[in-house]
């Protein structure tokens, strides 16, 4: 009785293991694209998970050019009409 059940389970497992192989043989390009997409998605998720803490630790010190452009923008935005100031990016 137990031997029959074990054989039945083995048969079902063997059939379940052969099914994906048959699908890959029938649709090789689709299978390749599917695996590529899954790998790309996992790679993006892992990359975001790893880079998130690193990016939050990094502090961007403004360069001299950035500080001067910010000062010039602030000085000009206070004296320019609103219609002209709206064309500048903050």
PDB file of N, CA and C in Angstrom:
ATOM      1  N   UNK A   1       0.821  -1.189   0.000  1.00  0.00           N
ATOM      2  CA  UNK A   1       0.000   0.000   0.000  1.00  0.00           C
ATOM      3  C   UNK A   1       0.866   1.255   0.000  1.00  0.00           C
ATOM      4  N   UNK A   2       1.856   1.298   0.890  1.00  0.00           N
ATOM      5  CA  UNK A   2       2.750   2.448   0.953  1.00  0.00           C
ATOM      6  C   UNK A   2       3.593   2.528  -0.314  1.00  0.00           C
ATOM      7  N   UNK A   3       4.031   1.390  -0.829  1.00  0.00           N
ATOM      8  CA  UNK A   3       4.851   1.366  -2.037  1.00  0.00           C
ATOM      9  C   UNK A   3       4.073   1.907  -3.226  1.00  0.00           C
ATOM     10  N   UNK A   4       2.789   1.566  -3.314  1.00  0.00           N
ATOM     11  CA  UNK A   4       1.964   2.078  -4.411  1.00  0.00           C
ATOM     12  C   UNK A   4       1.823   3.600  -4.312  1.00  0.00           C
ATOM     13  N   UNK A   5       1.629   4.082  -3.106  1.00  0.00           N
ATOM     14  CA  UNK A   5       1.492   5.536  -2.899  1.00  0.00           C
ATOM     15  C   UNK A   5       2.796   6.255  -3.243  1.00  0.00           C
ATOM     16  N   UNK A   6       3.924   5.678  -2.852  1.00  0.00           N
ATOM     17  CA  UNK A   6       5.227   6.268  -3.165  1.00  0.00           C
ATOM     18  C   UNK A   6       5.435   6.287  -4.666  1.00  0.00           C
ATOM     19  N   UNK A   7       5.089   5.215  -5.361  1.00  0.00           N
ATOM     20  CA  UNK A   7       5.232   5.166  -6.819  1.00  0.00           C
ATOM     21  C   UNK A   7       4.324   6.197  -7.495  1.00  0.00           C
ATOM     22  N   UNK A   8       3.114   6.343  -6.967  1.00  0.00           N
ATOM     23  CA  UNK A   8       2.190   7.320  -7.538  1.00  0.00           C
ATOM     24  C   UNK A   8       2.727   8.734  -7.357  1.00  0.00           C
ATOM     25  N   UNK A   9       3.263   9.036  -6.198  1.00  0.00           N
ATOM     26  CA  UNK A   9       3.830  10.364  -5.939  1.00  0.00           C
ATOM     27  C   UNK A   9       5.045  10.611  -6.826  1.00  0.00           C
ATOM     28  N   UNK A  10       5.909   9.591  -6.974  1.00  0.00           N
ATOM     29  CA  UNK A  10       7.080   9.740  -7.852  1.00  0.00           C
ATOM     30  C   UNK A  10       6.653  10.008  -9.289  1.00  0.00           C
ATOM     31  N   UNK A  11       5.627   9.298  -9.726  1.00  0.00           N
ATOM     32  CA  UNK A  11       5.137   9.483 -11.085  1.00  0.00           C
ATOM     33  C   UNK A  11       4.611  10.898 -11.287  1.00  0.00           C
ATOM     34  N   UNK A  12       3.872  11.395 -10.325  1.00  0.00           N
ATOM     35  CA  UNK A  12       3.338  12.757 -10.426  1.00  0.00           C
ATOM     36  C   UNK A  12       4.463  13.794 -10.390  1.00  0.00           C
ATOM     37  N   UNK A  13       5.468  13.581  -9.558  1.00  0.00           N
ATOM     38  CA  UNK A  13       6.604  14.510  -9.498  1.00  0.00           C
ATOM     39  C   UNK A  13       7.397  14.493 -10.795  1.00  0.00           C
ATOM     40  N   UNK A  14       7.586  13.304 -11.367  1.00  0.00           N
ATOM     41  CA  UNK A  14       8.326  13.180 -12.624  1.00  0.00           C
ATOM     42  C   UNK A  14       7.579  13.914 -13.730  1.00  0.00           C
ATOM     43  N   UNK A  15       6.266  13.722 -13.769  1.00  0.00           N
ATOM     44  CA  UNK A  15       5.455  14.409 -14.776  1.00  0.00           C
ATOM     45  C   UNK A  15       5.506  15.929 -14.574  1.00  0.00           C
ATOM     46  N   UNK A  16       5.445  16.375 -13.335  1.00  0.00           N
ATOM     47  CA  UNK A  16       5.512  17.809 -13.043  1.00  0.00           C
ATOM     48  C   UNK A  16       6.867  18.394 -13.420  1.00  0.00           C
ATOM     49  N   UNK A  17       7.933  17.603 -13.302  1.00  0.00           N
ATOM     50  CA  UNK A  17       9.269  18.082 -13.660  1.00  0.00           C
ATOM     51  C   UNK A  17       9.476  18.085 -15.172  1.00  0.00           C
ATOM     52  N   UNK A  18       8.791  17.222 -15.898  1.00  0.00           N
ATOM     53  CA  UNK A  18       8.943  17.163 -17.355  1.00  0.00           C
ATOM     54  C   UNK A  18       8.130  18.235 -18.068  1.00  0.00           C
ATOM     55  N   UNK A  19       7.062  18.705 -17.463  1.00  0.00           N
ATOM     56  CA  UNK A  19       6.191  19.679 -18.099  1.00  0.00           C
ATOM     57  C   UNK A  19       6.904  20.986 -18.458  1.00  0.00           C
ATOM     58  N   UNK A  20       7.662  21.620 -17.556  1.00  0.00           N
ATOM     59  CA  UNK A  20       8.368  22.846 -17.947  1.00  0.00           C
ATOM     60  C   UNK A  20       9.398  22.605 -19.051  1.00  0.00           C
ATOM     61  N   UNK A  21      10.053  21.457 -19.019  1.00  0.00           N
ATOM     62  CA  UNK A  21      11.034  21.155 -20.066  1.00  0.00           C
ATOM     63  C   UNK A  21      10.359  21.064 -21.429  1.00  0.00           C
ATOM     64  N   UNK A  22       9.170  20.479 -21.473  1.00  0.00           N
ATOM     65  CA  UNK A  22       8.435  20.404 -22.735  1.00  0.00           C
ATOM     66  C   UNK A  22       8.025  21.794 -23.211  1.00  0.00           C
ATOM     67  N   UNK A  23       7.600  22.638 -22.299  1.00  0.00           N
ATOM     68  CA  UNK A  23       7.215  24.003 -22.675  1.00  0.00           C
ATOM     69  C   UNK A  23       8.399  24.791 -23.214  1.00  0.00           C
ATOM     70  N   UNK A  24       9.571  24.593 -22.623  1.00  0.00           N
ATOM     71  CA  UNK A  24      10.769  25.291 -23.100  1.00  0.00           C
ATOM     72  C   UNK A  24      11.128  24.808 -24.499  1.00  0.00           C
ATOM     73  N   UNK A  25      10.983  23.521 -24.754  1.00  0.00           N
ATOM     74  CA  UNK A  25      11.258  22.988 -26.102  1.00  0.00           C
ATOM     75  C   UNK A  25      10.260  23.526 -27.117  1.00  0.00           C
ATOM     76  N   UNK A  26       9.007  23.681 -26.723  1.00  0.00           N
ATOM     77  CA  UNK A  26       7.983  24.174 -27.644  1.00  0.00           C
ATOM     78  C   UNK A  26       8.090  25.673 -27.888  1.00  0.00           C
ATOM     79  N   UNK A  27       8.439  26.427 -26.879  1.00  0.00           N
ATOM     80  CA  UNK A  27       8.488  27.897 -26.966  1.00  0.00           C
ATOM     81  C   UNK A  27       9.828  28.420 -26.450  1.00  0.00           C
ATOM     82  N   UNK A  28      10.916  28.218 -27.203  1.00  0.00           N
ATOM     83  CA  UNK A  28      12.235  28.618 -26.675  1.00  0.00           C
ATOM     84  C   UNK A  28      12.413  30.134 -26.542  1.00  0.00           C
ATOM     85  N   UNK A  29      11.926  30.903 -27.497  1.00  0.00           N
ATOM     86  CA  UNK A  29      12.118  32.360 -27.447  1.00  0.00           C
ATOM     87  C   UNK A  29      11.284  32.957 -26.312  1.00  0.00           C
ATOM     88  N   UNK A  30      10.063  32.524 -26.187  1.00  0.00           N
ATOM     89  CA  UNK A  30       9.211  33.025 -25.107  1.00  0.00           C
ATOM     90  C   UNK A  30       9.792  32.660 -23.748  1.00  0.00           C
ATOM     91  N   UNK A  31      10.324  31.455 -23.647  1.00  0.00           N
ATOM     92  CA  UNK A  31      10.928  31.032 -22.383  1.00  0.00           C
ATOM     93  C   UNK A  31      12.142  31.884 -22.049  1.00  0.00           C
ATOM     94  N   UNK A  32      12.955  32.162 -23.062  1.00  0.00           N
ATOM     95  CA  UNK A  32      14.145  32.984 -22.855  1.00  0.00           C
ATOM     96  C   UNK A  32      13.759  34.394 -22.419  1.00  0.00           C
ATOM     97  N   UNK A  33      12.765  34.971 -23.076  1.00  0.00           N
ATOM     98  CA  UNK A  33      12.332  36.321 -22.713  1.00  0.00           C
ATOM     99  C   UNK A  33      11.717  36.360 -21.316  1.00  0.00           C
ATOM    100  N   UNK A  34      10.990  35.320 -20.966  1.00  0.00           N
ATOM    101  CA  UNK A  34      10.411  35.258 -19.628  1.00  0.00           C
ATOM    102  C   UNK A  34      11.490  35.206 -18.556  1.00  0.00           C
ATOM    103  N   UNK A  35      12.486  34.359 -18.769  1.00  0.00           N
ATOM    104  CA  UNK A  35      13.568  34.238 -17.794  1.00  0.00           C
ATOM    105  C   UNK A  35      14.370  35.534 -17.731  1.00  0.00           C
ATOM    106  N   UNK A  36      14.593  36.161 -18.883  1.00  0.00           N
ATOM    107  CA  UNK A  36      15.311  37.435 -18.898  1.00  0.00           C
ATOM    108  C   UNK A  36      14.537  38.498 -18.114  1.00  0.00           C
ATOM    109  N   UNK A  37      13.221  38.572 -18.328  1.00  0.00           N
ATOM    110  CA  UNK A  37      12.402  39.558 -17.619  1.00  0.00           C
ATOM    111  C   UNK A  37      12.378  39.327 -16.121  1.00  0.00           C
ATOM    112  N   UNK A  38      12.277  38.073 -15.718  1.00  0.00           N
ATOM    113  CA  UNK A  38      12.277  37.760 -14.284  1.00  0.00           C
ATOM    114  C   UNK A  38      13.633  38.130 -13.679  1.00  0.00           C
ATOM    115  N   UNK A  39      14.713  37.794 -14.378  1.00  0.00           N
ATOM    116  CA  UNK A  39      16.052  38.132 -13.882  1.00  0.00           C
ATOM    117  C   UNK A  39      16.267  39.632 -13.797  1.00  0.00           C
ATOM    118  N   UNK A  40      15.789  40.346 -14.799  1.00  0.00           N
ATOM    119  CA  UNK A  40      15.915  41.805 -14.784  1.00  0.00           C
ATOM    120  C   UNK A  40      15.121  42.402 -13.625  1.00  0.00           C
ATOM    121  N   UNK A  41      13.917  41.904 -13.421  1.00  0.00           N
ATOM    122  CA  UNK A  41      13.100  42.408 -12.314  1.00  0.00           C
ATOM    123  C   UNK A  41      13.739  42.148 -10.962  1.00  0.00           C
ATOM    124  N   UNK A  42      14.262  40.953 -10.773  1.00  0.00           N
ATOM    125  CA  UNK A  42      14.937  40.629  -9.513  1.00  0.00           C
ATOM    126  C   UNK A  42      16.186  41.491  -9.345  1.00  0.00           C
ATOM    127  N   UNK A  43      16.920  41.697 -10.438  1.00  0.00           N
ATOM    128  CA  UNK A  43      18.108  42.539 -10.373  1.00  0.00           C
ATOM    129  C   UNK A  43      17.791  43.970  -9.988  1.00  0.00           C
ATOM    130  N   UNK A  44      16.710  44.507 -10.533  1.00  0.00           N
ATOM    131  CA  UNK A  44      16.311  45.876 -10.189  1.00  0.00           C
ATOM    132  C   UNK A  44      15.905  45.960  -8.718  1.00  0.00           C
ATOM    133  N   UNK A  45      15.140  44.974  -8.265  1.00  0.00           N
ATOM    134  CA  UNK A  45      14.723  44.982  -6.858  1.00  0.00           C
ATOM    135  C   UNK A  45      15.909  44.872  -5.911  1.00  0.00           C
ATOM    136  N   UNK A  46      16.842  43.989  -6.217  1.00  0.00           N
ATOM    137  CA  UNK A  46      18.026  43.831  -5.363  1.00  0.00           C
ATOM    138  C   UNK A  46      18.880  45.097  -5.417  1.00  0.00           C
ATOM    139  N   UNK A  47      19.017  45.668  -6.608  1.00  0.00           N
ATOM    140  CA  UNK A  47      19.786  46.906  -6.738  1.00  0.00           C
ATOM    141  C   UNK A  47      19.190  48.047  -5.942  1.00  0.00           C
ATOM    142  N   UNK A  48      17.874  48.186  -5.991  1.00  0.00           N
ATOM    143  CA  UNK A  48      17.212  49.230  -5.215  1.00  0.00           C
ATOM    144  C   UNK A  48      17.351  48.986  -3.718  1.00  0.00           C
ATOM    145  N   UNK A  49      17.247  47.721  -3.332  1.00  0.00           N
ATOM    146  CA  UNK A  49      17.377  47.394  -1.909  1.00  0.00           C
ATOM    147  C   UNK A  49      18.783  47.687  -1.403  1.00  0.00           C
ATOM    148  N   UNK A  50      19.777  47.435  -2.232  1.00  0.00           N
ATOM    149  CA  UNK A  50      21.167  47.673  -1.820  1.00  0.00           C
ATOM    150  C   UNK A  50      21.549  49.144  -1.910  1.00  0.00           C
ATOM    151  N   UNK A  51      21.042  49.840  -2.913  1.00  0.00           N
ATOM    152  CA  UNK A  51      21.442  51.233  -3.122  1.00  0.00           C
ATOM    153  C   UNK A  51      20.669  52.202  -2.238  1.00  0.00           C
ATOM    154  N   UNK A  52      19.499  51.828  -1.774  1.00  0.00           N
ATOM    155  CA  UNK A  52      18.691  52.736  -0.957  1.00  0.00           C
ATOM    156  C   UNK A  52      19.409  53.246   0.275  1.00  0.00           C
ATOM    157  N   UNK A  53      19.942  52.356   1.122  1.00  0.00           N
ATOM    158  CA  UNK A  53      20.654  52.840   2.308  1.00  0.00           C
ATOM    159  C   UNK A  53      21.917  53.634   1.965  1.00  0.00           C
ATOM    160  N   UNK A  54      22.580  53.266   0.876  1.00  0.00           N
ATOM    161  CA  UNK A  54      23.803  53.983   0.495  1.00  0.00           C
ATOM    162  C   UNK A  54      23.491  55.400   0.038  1.00  0.00           C
ATOM    163  N   UNK A  55      22.396  55.566  -0.699  1.00  0.00           N
ATOM    164  CA  UNK A  55      22.046  56.896  -1.183  1.00  0.00           C
ATOM    165  C   UNK A  55      21.598  57.808  -0.049  1.00  0.00           C
ATOM    166  N   UNK A  56      20.950  57.247   0.960  1.00  0.00           N
ATOM    167  CA  UNK A  56      20.508  58.090   2.066  1.00  0.00           C
ATOM    168  C   UNK A  56      21.678  58.529   2.936  1.00  0.00           C
ATOM    169  N   UNK A  57      22.774  57.777   2.923  1.00  0.00           N
ATOM    170  CA  UNK A  57      23.947  58.146   3.711  1.00  0.00           C
ATOM    171  C   UNK A  57      24.783  59.218   3.013  1.00  0.00           C
ATOM    172  N   UNK A  58      24.666  59.315   1.696  1.00  0.00           N
ATOM    173  CA  UNK A  58      25.473  60.265   0.941  1.00  0.00           C
ATOM    174  C   UNK A  58      24.904  61.670   1.095  1.00  0.00           C
ATOM    175  N   UNK A  59      25.768  62.621   1.381  1.00  0.00           N
ATOM    176  CA  UNK A  59      25.372  64.018   1.486  1.00  0.00           C
ATOM    177  C   UNK A  59      26.036  64.768   0.347  1.00  0.00           C
ATOM    178  N   UNK A  60      25.241  65.522  -0.386  1.00  0.00           N
ATOM    179  CA  UNK A  60      25.770  66.276  -1.512  1.00  0.00           C
ATOM    180  C   UNK A  60      26.093  67.687  -1.062  1.00  0.00           C
ATOM    181  N   UNK A  61      27.370  67.980  -1.006  1.00  0.00           N
ATOM    182  CA  UNK A  61      27.829  69.330  -0.673  1.00  0.00           C
ATOM    183  C   UNK A  61      27.723  70.172  -1.938  1.00  0.00           C
ATOM    184  N   UNK A  62      26.986  71.303  -1.887  1.00  0.00           N
ATOM    185  CA  UNK A  62      26.859  72.128  -3.097  1.00  0.00           C
ATOM    186  C   UNK A  62      28.218  72.688  -3.528  1.00  0.00           C
ATOM    187  N   UNK A  63      28.447  72.642  -4.822  1.00  0.00           N
ATOM    188  CA  UNK A  63      29.703  73.180  -5.352  1.00  0.00           C
ATOM    189  C   UNK A  63      29.633  74.709  -5.354  1.00  0.00           C
ATOM    190  N   UNK A  64      30.756  75.315  -5.613  1.00  0.00           N
ATOM    191  CA  UNK A  64      30.816  76.783  -5.655  1.00  0.00           C
ATOM    192  C   UNK A  64      29.895  77.309  -6.745  1.00  0.00           C
ATOM    193  N   UNK A  65      29.893  76.653  -7.882  1.00  0.00           N
ATOM    194  CA  UNK A  65      29.032  77.077  -8.985  1.00  0.00           C
ATOM    195  C   UNK A  65      27.554  76.967  -8.592  1.00  0.00           C
ATOM    196  N   UNK A  66      27.187  75.885  -7.914  1.00  0.00           N
ATOM    197  CA  UNK A  66      25.797  75.731  -7.482  1.00  0.00           C
ATOM    198  C   UNK A  66      25.408  76.802  -6.465  1.00  0.00           C
ATOM    199  N   UNK A  67      26.310  77.124  -5.543  1.00  0.00           N
ATOM    200  CA  UNK A  67      26.013  78.149  -4.546  1.00  0.00           C
ATOM    201  C   UNK A  67      25.871  79.526  -5.204  1.00  0.00           C
ATOM    202  N   UNK A  68      26.783  79.835  -6.139  1.00  0.00           N
ATOM    203  CA  UNK A  68      26.709  81.133  -6.827  1.00  0.00           C
ATOM    204  C   UNK A  68      25.466  81.240  -7.690  1.00  0.00           C
ATOM    205  N   UNK A  69      25.111  80.170  -8.380  1.00  0.00           N
ATOM    206  CA  UNK A  69      23.908  80.227  -9.212  1.00  0.00           C
ATOM    207  C   UNK A  69      22.666  80.368  -8.344  1.00  0.00           C
ATOM    208  N   UNK A  70      22.644  79.747  -7.171  1.00  0.00           N
ATOM    209  CA  UNK A  70      21.517  79.877  -6.256  1.00  0.00           C
ATOM    210  C   UNK A  70      21.417  81.319  -5.755  1.00  0.00           C
ATOM    211  N   UNK A  71      22.568  81.949  -5.426  1.00  0.00           N
ATOM    212  CA  UNK A  71      22.562  83.336  -4.971  1.00  0.00           C
ATOM    213  C   UNK A  71      22.096  84.267  -6.077  1.00  0.00           C
ATOM    214  N   UNK A  72      22.573  84.032  -7.308  1.00  0.00           N
ATOM    215  CA  UNK A  72      22.159  84.866  -8.433  1.00  0.00           C
ATOM    216  C   UNK A  72      20.667  84.713  -8.695  1.00  0.00           C
ATOM    217  N   UNK A  73      20.176  83.496  -8.631  1.00  0.00           N
ATOM    218  CA  UNK A  73      18.749  83.262  -8.838  1.00  0.00           C
ATOM    219  C   UNK A  73      17.920  83.974  -7.778  1.00  0.00           C
ATOM    220  N   UNK A  74      18.329  83.855  -6.527  1.00  0.00           N
ATOM    221  CA  UNK A  74      17.589  84.509  -5.454  1.00  0.00           C
ATOM    222  C   UNK A  74      17.607  86.031  -5.612  1.00  0.00           C
ATOM    223  N   UNK A  75      18.756  86.583  -6.008  1.00  0.00           N
ATOM    224  CA  UNK A  75      18.859  88.037  -6.176  1.00  0.00           C
ATOM    225  C   UNK A  75      18.003  88.510  -7.346  1.00  0.00           C
ATOM    226  N   UNK A  76      18.037  87.779  -8.455  1.00  0.00           N
ATOM    227  CA  UNK A  76      17.259  88.189  -9.626  1.00  0.00           C
ATOM    228  C   UNK A  76      15.767  87.972  -9.436  1.00  0.00           C
ATOM    229  N   UNK A  77      15.390  86.916  -8.753  1.00  0.00           N
ATOM    230  CA  UNK A  77      13.959  86.633  -8.602  1.00  0.00           C
ATOM    231  C   UNK A  77      13.268  87.690  -7.745  1.00  0.00           C
ATOM    232  N   UNK A  78      14.011  88.377  -6.912  1.00  0.00           N
ATOM    233  CA  UNK A  78      13.383  89.413  -6.082  1.00  0.00           C
ATOM    234  C   UNK A  78      13.165  90.715  -6.855  1.00  0.00           C
ATOM    235  N   UNK A  79      13.910  90.947  -7.944  1.00  0.00           N
ATOM    236  CA  UNK A  79      13.765  92.202  -8.683  1.00  0.00           C
ATOM    237  C   UNK A  79      13.077  92.036 -10.027  1.00  0.00           C
ATOM    238  N   UNK A  80      12.984  90.827 -10.535  1.00  0.00           N
ATOM    239  CA  UNK A  80      12.343  90.614 -11.834  1.00  0.00           C
ATOM    240  C   UNK A  80      10.831  90.535 -11.667  1.00  0.00           C
ATOM    241  N   UNK A  81      10.108  90.934 -12.702  1.00  0.00           N
ATOM    242  CA  UNK A  81       8.653  90.771 -12.663  1.00  0.00           C
ATOM    243  C   UNK A  81       8.303  89.275 -12.581  1.00  0.00           C
ATOM    244  N   UNK A  82       7.136  88.994 -12.062  1.00  0.00           N
ATOM    245  CA  UNK A  82       6.729  87.601 -11.868  1.00  0.00           C
ATOM    246  C   UNK A  82       6.657  86.841 -13.176  1.00  0.00           C
ATOM    247  N   UNK A  83       6.265  87.501 -14.280  1.00  0.00           N
ATOM    248  CA  UNK A  83       6.159  86.804 -15.559  1.00  0.00           C
ATOM    249  C   UNK A  83       7.520  86.355 -16.073  1.00  0.00           C
ATOM    250  N   UNK A  84       8.553  87.138 -15.815  1.00  0.00           N
ATOM    251  CA  UNK A  84       9.903  86.770 -16.233  1.00  0.00           C
ATOM    252  C   UNK A  84      10.485  85.734 -15.249  1.00  0.00           C
ATOM    253  N   UNK A  85      10.269  85.939 -13.972  1.00  0.00           N
ATOM    254  CA  UNK A  85      10.811  85.024 -12.962  1.00  0.00           C
ATOM    255  C   UNK A  85      10.232  83.622 -13.102  1.00  0.00           C
ATOM    256  N   UNK A  86       8.994  83.523 -13.632  1.00  0.00           N
ATOM    257  CA  UNK A  86       8.364  82.214 -13.781  1.00  0.00           C
ATOM    258  C   UNK A  86       9.076  81.368 -14.826  1.00  0.00           C
ATOM    259  N   UNK A  87       9.805  81.984 -15.719  1.00  0.00           N
ATOM    260  CA  UNK A  87      10.530  81.233 -16.758  1.00  0.00           C
ATOM    261  C   UNK A  87      11.816  80.596 -16.244  1.00  0.00           C
ATOM    262  N   UNK A  88      12.321  81.049 -15.110  1.00  0.00           N
ATOM    263  CA  UNK A  88      13.514  80.464 -14.517  1.00  0.00           C
ATOM    264  C   UNK A  88      13.146  79.221 -13.735  1.00  0.00           C
ATOM    265  N   UNK A  89      14.043  78.245 -13.749  1.00  0.00           N
ATOM    266  CA  UNK A  89      13.828  77.035 -12.941  1.00  0.00           C
ATOM    267  C   UNK A  89      14.434  77.243 -11.567  1.00  0.00           C
ATOM    268  N   UNK A  90      13.716  76.814 -10.549  1.00  0.00           N
ATOM    269  CA  UNK A  90      14.263  76.981  -9.198  1.00  0.00           C
ATOM    270  C   UNK A  90      15.122  75.822  -8.815  1.00  0.00           C
TER     271      UNK A  90
END
